[in-house]
Every structure is written in C-alpha cells, then in structure tokens.
C-alpha cells in the first residue's frame, strides 16, 4: 500500500518579495501596456507573464491569486461604469432634491405626478418550434433558441406614482406622437379638480421635442420636470418596465408585432387591476444618491 503525504504537510514554494511586488504591479496595469492582447488579467495569464519575464522558474495559479488577495486585487473582475455628464454640484443636488420631494410628499387632491418614459425595441421573437408548457416528471418549459425576427415595438408609458397604475401606447417607431398619444387621454380623463399634472421625464426628443412642447403649450395643467442626464433611476416607470420584462417576456414566444402589442396592452390591464405604488422612500433614494455616479446608467 502506497502512503501519500497529506496536502497540508506539503511545503509551499516560497518566493522573494520582488515577485509579489511584480504581481501586484501587473494587476494594476492593463494587459495592453505589456504588449498582451488580453482584455483582463486572470490567474493563469499572470503566472504566464511571470514565466515570460523569467522572474520565476515555476509558479502555481493559486499562488499568484494569494499574493493579490492580501491587497484585495481581482483584476479578472470588472464593474460597468457610466461617467456622469452633468457635474454633481449644488444645482444637481437641488434638482434631485426637488424630484424626491415631488415623488414622496403626501398626495394632494388637486395634483397628480406621472413618471413618463419610453422603452424601445421590444421584439416579438416567434420561436421555431413553439414553446411547450411544463410537463410532469420535472420537465420545465423548453424555450427554443432559434427565433423569427419580426420587427420591434416601442412602448411609451406613464406611471401614476401615487397609485402605481400605468398607461401608454405601443408604436412601431420612436417618435413624438407616441408621447402625445400617451398623455392626451390622461389629460382628458383626469378630473378637472386636478389643477396640476406633474410630468417627470428625461431629455429625450420623444418626450421633449418640438411637437411635444407645442402640445404642452395648449395644456396648461401639465408641468414638466426634467431629470438630470443619466439619471434614469429617478423614473419610477422604469421599475414597471423591469416587471414587464421579467413577468411577461422572460420566455417570449410571440409570432408578430400585433400579438406583441396585444400582450403588452393586456399586461397593463391586469397590472392596473391590482396596481400598487412602488416603495420609493427618501431613505432608499438617499442611498442611491450616495452612489449616483456608479448607478447613473
């Protein structure tokens, strides 16, 4: 019977501090600066670079990772980042504070707050063959990878921040009339005692173009509040778009744009039957504002 030495008893290779310093320096540089055609470093590539530089005769991948762990370095990971265009100055803080107050203050009987935005390029994606339902015996729905492309729809929606109800049309093109088609019925149906309709929107042309501005000029009740650039996290309707994506289109098998439009409109009807306001408190917003540059996407 052959005896094996326990792994804990096998001595680890010892390297001089210069090797660890070189590993940390490599992790803090982009691979392109070293003439490597890599996107990020990983443990194997760092070990290969040390061998190419003839700093060590041999080194395990885990050894390089342990050297980086003491410095809390993981160059193989990355975070998606969007640099903010407007400066985070006093004017930005004042705009955000005004929008927070508008969304969180007690509801007034003579006012309504609407979060208006659009979500573009919703494809029907008919599957070949159709998606079957779940079957007994632990057989989940089998979602076919292959699909038929049939154009796309744009959805312009307005969310009542106090009730959570959502209204909006679908349009095959991204254009300004879709925004007016969304707001016109609301402006007519909202009771006359509501003297002010606060419309929170971004700087997109669909919601802030010349045609829309002319329409707003004839509707004195509509007061526009523009969010700062790259601050879509301040649109409450974006949460509803996320719910629509997860609940209805996570497994999509729709033959045409007409079917897609019918499904979206039906989802709005069902949502409004049990609509609820989103839990968008000042405490949660304050936490988001602390990370505003990172969450501006």
Protein backbone atom coordinates (compact mmCIF):
# COMPACT_ATOMS: atom_id res chain seq x y z
CA UNK A 1 0.00 0.00 0.00
CA UNK A 2 1.47 3.36 -1.04
CA UNK A 3 1.45 6.14 1.50
CA UNK A 4 0.70 9.69 0.39
CA UNK A 5 1.83 12.79 2.16
CA UNK A 6 -1.17 14.89 3.31
CA UNK A 7 -1.63 18.07 1.30
CA UNK A 8 -1.29 20.19 4.43
CA UNK A 9 2.17 18.69 5.01
CA UNK A 10 3.44 19.59 1.52
CA UNK A 11 5.53 22.77 1.88
CA UNK A 12 4.50 25.68 -0.30
CA UNK A 13 7.05 27.27 -2.57
CA UNK A 14 8.50 30.47 -1.17
CA UNK A 15 9.12 33.47 -3.42
CA UNK A 16 11.02 36.65 -2.65
CA UNK A 17 9.02 39.87 -2.08
CA UNK A 18 10.08 41.12 -5.51
CA UNK A 19 7.81 38.51 -7.14
CA UNK A 20 4.77 39.60 -5.13
CA UNK A 21 5.53 43.24 -5.91
CA UNK A 22 5.70 42.42 -9.62
CA UNK A 23 2.37 40.53 -9.49
CA UNK A 24 0.67 43.47 -7.79
CA UNK A 25 2.16 45.86 -10.35
CA UNK A 26 0.90 43.71 -13.22
CA UNK A 27 -2.59 43.54 -11.70
CA UNK A 28 -2.67 47.34 -11.56
CA UNK A 29 -1.91 47.69 -15.28
CA UNK A 30 -3.91 46.99 -18.40
CA UNK A 31 -2.53 43.96 -20.33
CA UNK A 32 -2.14 46.16 -23.45
CA UNK A 33 0.66 48.10 -21.74
CA UNK A 34 2.64 44.84 -21.58
CA UNK A 35 2.06 44.04 -25.23
CA UNK A 36 -0.56 41.38 -24.47
CA UNK A 37 -3.76 41.07 -26.49
CA UNK A 38 -5.93 40.41 -23.47
CA UNK A 39 -8.95 42.15 -22.01
CA UNK A 40 -8.43 41.40 -18.30
CA UNK A 41 -5.69 39.60 -16.42
CA UNK A 42 -6.53 36.30 -14.77
CA UNK A 43 -4.51 33.97 -12.56
CA UNK A 44 -3.23 31.82 -15.41
CA UNK A 45 -2.16 34.78 -17.55
CA UNK A 46 -0.39 36.45 -14.63
CA UNK A 47 1.57 33.24 -13.98
CA UNK A 48 2.41 33.01 -17.69
CA UNK A 49 3.65 36.61 -17.66
CA UNK A 50 5.95 35.90 -14.71
CA UNK A 51 7.42 32.92 -16.55
CA UNK A 52 7.92 35.00 -19.71
CA UNK A 53 9.75 37.65 -17.69
CA UNK A 54 11.97 34.88 -16.21
CA UNK A 55 11.25 36.05 -12.67
CA UNK A 56 10.35 32.52 -11.56
CA UNK A 57 11.05 29.05 -12.86
CA UNK A 58 7.55 27.84 -12.00
CA UNK A 59 4.55 29.22 -10.10
CA UNK A 60 1.05 27.93 -9.45
CA UNK A 61 -2.00 29.94 -10.45
CA UNK A 62 -3.32 29.83 -6.89
CA UNK A 63 -0.05 31.30 -5.59
CA UNK A 64 -0.48 34.44 -7.67
CA UNK A 65 -4.06 34.78 -6.51
CA UNK A 66 -2.97 34.52 -2.87
CA UNK A 67 -0.46 37.32 -3.45
CA UNK A 68 -3.24 39.52 -4.83
CA UNK A 69 -5.74 38.54 -2.13
CA UNK A 70 -3.68 40.29 0.56
CA UNK A 71 -4.03 43.51 -1.47
CA UNK A 72 -7.73 42.90 -2.27
CA UNK A 73 -6.99 42.84 -6.00
CA UNK A 74 -9.08 40.87 -8.52
CA UNK A 75 -8.18 42.16 -11.99
CA UNK A 76 -10.33 39.47 -13.66
CA UNK A 77 -13.46 41.23 -12.33
CA UNK A 78 -14.93 44.47 -13.64
CA UNK A 79 -17.79 46.88 -12.96
CA UNK A 80 -19.90 48.57 -15.61
CA UNK A 81 -19.42 52.31 -15.29
CA UNK A 82 -21.03 55.35 -16.84
CA UNK A 83 -19.27 58.63 -16.20
CA UNK A 84 -21.83 61.32 -15.32
CA UNK A 85 -22.15 64.15 -17.83
CA UNK A 86 -23.58 66.87 -15.57
CA UNK A 87 -21.35 67.78 -12.61
CA UNK A 88 -22.50 66.58 -9.21
CA UNK A 89 -22.71 70.12 -7.87
CA UNK A 90 -25.23 72.20 -5.91
CA UNK A 91 -27.51 72.58 -8.95
CA UNK A 92 -27.62 68.79 -9.41
CA UNK A 93 -28.40 68.27 -5.73
CA UNK A 94 -31.19 70.86 -5.88
CA UNK A 95 -32.77 69.19 -8.93
CA UNK A 96 -32.64 65.74 -7.38
CA UNK A 97 -33.98 67.03 -4.05
CA UNK A 98 -36.92 68.71 -5.83
CA UNK A 99 -37.79 65.48 -7.66
CA UNK A 100 -37.52 63.45 -4.46
CA UNK A 101 -39.86 65.86 -2.69
CA UNK A 102 -42.28 65.64 -5.61
CA UNK A 103 -42.36 61.83 -5.50
CA UNK A 104 -42.50 61.34 -1.73
CA UNK A 105 -44.66 64.16 -0.38
CA UNK A 106 -48.26 63.36 0.67
CA UNK A 107 -50.65 63.26 -2.22
CA UNK A 108 -52.69 66.36 -2.89
CA UNK A 109 -56.23 66.11 -4.26
CA UNK A 110 -55.58 68.80 -6.85
CA UNK A 111 -52.33 67.35 -8.24
CA UNK A 112 -51.03 64.21 -9.95
CA UNK A 113 -47.46 63.05 -10.53
CA UNK A 114 -46.72 61.00 -13.66
CA UNK A 115 -43.39 59.33 -14.45
CA UNK A 116 -43.18 59.29 -18.25
CA UNK A 117 -40.57 57.41 -20.25
CA UNK A 118 -40.19 55.06 -23.21
CA UNK A 119 -38.71 51.64 -23.66
CA UNK A 120 -37.56 50.88 -27.19
CA UNK A 121 -37.03 47.86 -29.42
CA UNK A 122 -39.31 45.18 -27.99
CA UNK A 123 -39.05 42.25 -30.49
CA UNK A 124 -41.82 39.65 -30.95
CA UNK A 125 -39.36 36.74 -31.39
CA UNK A 126 -41.58 33.89 -32.54
CA UNK A 127 -39.95 30.56 -31.65
CA UNK A 128 -39.37 27.64 -34.01
CA UNK A 129 -40.94 25.36 -32.82
CA UNK A 130 -43.38 26.93 -30.27
CA UNK A 131 -42.54 26.81 -26.56
CA UNK A 132 -44.30 23.86 -24.84
CA UNK A 133 -45.62 24.19 -21.26
CA UNK A 134 -44.17 22.38 -18.26
CA UNK A 135 -44.76 18.63 -18.10
CA UNK A 136 -44.92 16.16 -15.18
CA UNK A 137 -41.68 14.48 -14.30
CA UNK A 138 -39.61 17.61 -13.66
CA UNK A 139 -39.83 18.74 -17.29
CA UNK A 140 -39.71 22.55 -17.41
CA UNK A 141 -40.83 24.61 -20.41
CA UNK A 142 -38.30 24.15 -23.20
CA UNK A 143 -37.51 27.51 -24.74
CA UNK A 144 -36.28 27.12 -28.32
CA UNK A 145 -33.09 29.03 -29.04
CA UNK A 146 -33.95 29.74 -32.68
CA UNK A 147 -36.46 32.54 -33.28
CA UNK A 148 -38.02 34.53 -36.10
CA UNK A 149 -37.40 38.24 -36.18
CA UNK A 150 -40.47 40.35 -36.86
CA UNK A 151 -39.50 43.96 -36.24
CA UNK A 152 -39.91 45.72 -32.90
CA UNK A 153 -42.24 47.96 -30.92
CA UNK A 154 -41.58 50.99 -28.74
CA UNK A 155 -43.60 51.49 -25.55
CA UNK A 156 -44.20 54.97 -24.14
CA UNK A 157 -45.72 54.68 -20.66
CA UNK A 158 -46.83 57.00 -17.88
CA UNK A 159 -46.89 55.72 -14.28
CA UNK A 160 -49.03 57.40 -11.63
CA UNK A 161 -46.54 57.44 -8.76
CA UNK A 162 -49.25 57.51 -6.09
CA UNK A 163 -51.39 54.62 -7.34
CA UNK A 164 -48.88 52.67 -9.45
CA UNK A 165 -51.23 52.49 -12.41
CA UNK A 166 -49.57 52.56 -15.85
CA UNK A 167 -50.93 53.86 -19.15
CA UNK A 168 -49.31 54.02 -22.55
CA UNK A 169 -49.44 53.09 -26.22
CA UNK A 170 -47.21 50.94 -28.40
CA UNK A 171 -45.73 52.37 -31.58
CA UNK A 172 -43.61 50.74 -34.31
CA UNK A 173 -41.40 53.81 -34.47
CA UNK A 174 -39.69 56.01 -31.92
CA UNK A 175 -41.41 59.35 -32.44
CA UNK A 176 -43.02 62.23 -30.59
CA UNK A 177 -46.69 61.45 -31.37
CA UNK A 178 -46.38 58.34 -29.18
CA UNK A 179 -45.76 60.56 -26.15
CA UNK A 180 -48.72 62.79 -27.01
CA UNK A 181 -50.90 59.70 -27.58
CA UNK A 182 -49.92 58.60 -24.09
CA UNK A 183 -50.65 61.91 -22.36
CA UNK A 184 -53.68 63.16 -24.34
CA UNK A 185 -56.21 60.62 -22.95
CA UNK A 186 -54.86 61.11 -19.45
CA UNK A 187 -55.16 64.90 -19.68
CA UNK A 188 -58.79 64.49 -20.81
CA UNK A 189 -59.77 61.80 -18.29
CA UNK A 190 -58.12 63.30 -15.22
CA UNK A 191 -60.78 65.08 -13.18
CA UNK A 192 -60.98 68.86 -13.63
CA UNK A 193 -60.32 69.44 -9.93
CA UNK A 194 -56.74 68.21 -10.51
CA UNK A 195 -55.24 71.56 -11.33
CA UNK A 196 -51.68 70.32 -11.89
CA UNK A 197 -50.31 67.26 -13.69
CA UNK A 198 -46.62 66.90 -12.90
CA UNK A 199 -44.85 65.07 -15.73
CA UNK A 200 -41.40 63.74 -14.81
CA UNK A 201 -39.43 62.92 -17.97
CA UNK A 202 -35.89 62.94 -19.35
CA UNK A 203 -34.26 64.97 -22.10
CA UNK A 204 -35.16 62.55 -24.89
CA UNK A 205 -36.62 64.03 -28.03
CA UNK A 206 -39.66 61.76 -27.87
CA UNK A 207 -40.76 63.41 -24.61
CA UNK A 208 -39.20 66.81 -25.07
CA UNK A 209 -39.22 67.51 -28.83
CA UNK A 210 -40.71 70.48 -30.61
CA UNK A 211 -44.07 68.80 -31.29
CA UNK A 212 -44.43 67.73 -27.67
CA UNK A 213 -43.58 71.23 -26.44
CA UNK A 214 -46.31 72.67 -28.69
CA UNK A 215 -48.78 70.17 -27.27
CA UNK A 216 -47.84 71.10 -23.70
CA UNK A 217 -48.32 74.78 -24.50
CA UNK A 218 -52.02 74.05 -25.08
CA UNK A 219 -52.33 72.06 -21.83
CA UNK A 220 -51.62 74.44 -19.02
CA UNK A 221 -52.20 71.78 -16.35
CA UNK A 222 -49.16 69.78 -17.47
CA UNK A 223 -45.98 70.90 -15.66
CA UNK A 224 -42.75 69.30 -16.89
CA UNK A 225 -39.93 68.26 -14.54
CA UNK A 226 -36.73 67.15 -16.29
CA UNK A 227 -34.44 64.66 -14.61
CA UNK A 228 -30.68 65.19 -14.89
CA UNK A 229 -28.87 63.41 -17.72
CA UNK A 230 -28.04 59.75 -16.97
CA UNK A 231 -30.46 59.59 -14.05
CA UNK A 232 -32.99 57.04 -15.24
CA UNK A 233 -33.02 55.61 -11.71
CA UNK A 234 -35.27 58.57 -10.82
CA UNK A 235 -38.01 57.31 -13.19
CA UNK A 236 -40.45 55.11 -11.29
CA UNK A 237 -41.89 53.84 -14.57
CA UNK A 238 -38.53 52.13 -15.17
CA UNK A 239 -39.42 49.73 -12.35
CA UNK A 240 -42.59 48.81 -14.18
CA UNK A 241 -40.64 48.21 -17.40
CA UNK A 242 -38.43 45.82 -15.43
CA UNK A 243 -41.50 43.99 -14.10
CA UNK A 244 -42.92 43.76 -17.64
CA UNK A 245 -39.67 42.26 -18.89
CA UNK A 246 -39.38 39.69 -16.10
CA UNK A 247 -43.02 38.64 -15.82
CA UNK A 248 -44.11 38.62 -19.46
CA UNK A 249 -41.05 38.45 -21.73
CA UNK A 250 -38.57 36.31 -19.84
CA UNK A 251 -39.90 33.48 -22.04
CA UNK A 252 -41.25 35.21 -25.15
CA UNK A 253 -42.92 33.31 -27.97
CA UNK A 254 -44.89 35.87 -29.98
CA UNK A 255 -45.50 35.49 -33.69
CA UNK A 256 -45.85 39.15 -34.74
CA UNK A 257 -45.87 42.75 -33.60
CA UNK A 258 -49.68 42.68 -33.44
CA UNK A 259 -49.55 39.81 -30.94
CA UNK A 260 -46.81 41.58 -29.01
CA UNK A 261 -48.87 44.77 -28.77
CA UNK A 262 -51.92 42.82 -27.60
CA UNK A 263 -49.89 41.11 -24.89
CA UNK A 264 -48.39 44.37 -23.62
CA UNK A 265 -51.79 46.08 -23.50
CA UNK A 266 -53.30 43.08 -21.71
CA UNK A 267 -50.47 43.11 -19.19
CA UNK A 268 -51.21 46.81 -18.48
CA UNK A 269 -54.88 46.00 -17.87
CA UNK A 270 -54.05 43.16 -15.49
CA UNK A 271 -51.41 45.25 -13.71
CA UNK A 272 -53.79 48.16 -13.17
CA UNK A 273 -56.38 45.84 -11.61
CA UNK A 274 -54.04 45.29 -8.67
CA UNK A 275 -51.67 48.23 -9.08
CA UNK A 276 -49.71 49.49 -6.11
CA UNK A 277 -47.26 52.36 -5.62
CA UNK A 278 -43.59 51.45 -5.52
CA UNK A 279 -41.72 51.67 -2.23
CA UNK A 280 -39.60 54.65 -3.23
CA UNK A 281 -38.71 56.23 0.11
CA UNK A 282 -36.33 59.08 0.84
CA UNK A 283 -34.09 56.65 2.73
CA UNK A 284 -33.66 54.37 -0.29
CA UNK A 285 -33.15 57.36 -2.60
CA UNK A 286 -30.51 58.81 -0.28
CA UNK A 287 -28.61 55.54 -0.55
CA UNK A 288 -28.84 55.67 -4.34
CA UNK A 289 -27.63 59.28 -4.40
CA UNK A 290 -24.55 58.28 -2.44
CA UNK A 291 -23.62 56.02 -5.38
CA UNK A 292 -25.03 58.35 -8.05
CA UNK A 293 -22.06 58.21 -10.47
CA UNK A 294 -21.99 54.40 -10.42
CA UNK A 295 -25.78 53.99 -10.71
CA UNK A 296 -26.35 56.72 -13.27
CA UNK A 297 -26.77 54.21 -16.12
